[in-house]
Protein backbone atom coordinates (compact mmCIF):
# COMPACT_ATOMS: atom_id res chain seq x y z
CA MET A 1 -91.02 58.67 50.94
CA SER A 2 -92.44 58.22 47.48
CA LYS A 3 -91.74 60.36 44.43
CA SER A 4 -94.32 62.75 43.03
CA GLN A 5 -96.02 62.04 39.73
CA SER A 6 -94.24 64.92 38.00
CA LYS A 7 -90.87 63.71 39.30
CA LYS A 8 -91.61 60.21 37.96
CA LYS A 9 -92.50 61.67 34.55
CA ARG A 10 -89.31 63.72 34.43
CA LEU A 11 -87.17 60.72 35.33
CA LYS A 12 -88.91 58.57 32.73
CA LEU A 13 -88.35 61.20 30.02
CA GLU A 14 -84.72 61.45 31.06
CA ARG A 15 -84.28 57.68 30.77
CA ASP A 16 -85.84 57.82 27.30
CA GLY A 17 -83.26 60.39 26.21
CA ALA A 18 -85.12 63.68 26.66
CA LEU A 19 -83.68 66.59 28.61
CA ASN A 20 -84.66 67.00 32.24
CA PRO A 21 -85.93 70.57 32.85
CA GLU A 22 -84.34 70.55 36.30
CA GLN A 23 -80.91 70.43 34.68
CA LEU A 24 -81.68 73.42 32.46
CA ARG A 25 -82.44 75.68 35.42
CA ASN A 26 -79.71 77.77 37.02
CA GLN A 27 -78.43 76.30 40.22
CA TRP A 28 -77.38 78.33 43.22
CA GLN A 29 -73.63 78.72 43.43
CA ARG A 30 -71.62 79.87 46.38
CA LYS A 31 -69.46 82.97 46.05
CA PRO A 32 -65.97 82.23 44.77
CA ARG A 33 -63.47 81.53 47.52
CA THR A 34 -61.70 84.83 46.80
CA GLN A 35 -64.85 86.81 47.69
CA VAL A 36 -65.57 85.12 51.01
CA GLN A 37 -64.97 87.46 53.93
CA PRO A 38 -61.85 86.31 55.80
CA ASN A 39 -62.19 89.04 58.43
CA ARG A 40 -64.06 92.24 59.20
CA LYS A 41 -61.32 94.62 58.06
CA ALA A 42 -61.18 93.03 54.60
CA GLU A 43 -64.96 93.32 54.28
CA GLN A 44 -64.76 97.02 55.19
CA ARG A 45 -62.11 97.59 52.50
CA ARG A 46 -64.26 95.85 49.89
CA SER A 47 -67.41 97.73 50.85
CA HIS A 48 -65.45 101.01 50.72
CA CYS A 49 -64.47 100.25 47.13
CA ARG A 50 -68.09 99.47 46.23
CA ARG A 51 -69.49 102.79 47.44
CA LYS A 52 -71.02 104.89 44.71
CA ASP A 53 -70.51 108.30 46.32
CA GLY A 54 -66.74 107.86 46.77
CA SER A 55 -66.69 109.09 50.35
CA ASP A 56 -64.59 107.23 52.86
CA GLY A 57 -66.65 108.40 55.81
CA ALA A 58 -64.10 110.99 56.97
CA VAL A 59 -65.35 114.51 57.65
CA PHE A 60 -63.01 117.37 56.83
CA THR A 61 -63.36 120.46 58.98
CA LEU A 62 -61.34 123.65 59.08
CA ARG A 63 -60.35 125.07 62.42
CA ALA A 64 -59.92 128.78 62.87
CA SER A 65 -56.61 129.47 64.57
């Protein structure tokens, strides 16, 4: 498969000492290893901490005795 004209120009400029615009762009990076979900329970704990409303999902009710 051949290279496109724009790719050839970029490589030529890079060989001549100019910066390649591809290198200036942000590259996708994977989440840090500490943030990868090891199991479902850990993901639930993290999502609980991220909630804005502060509720833990429990419903408090009073029973008349």
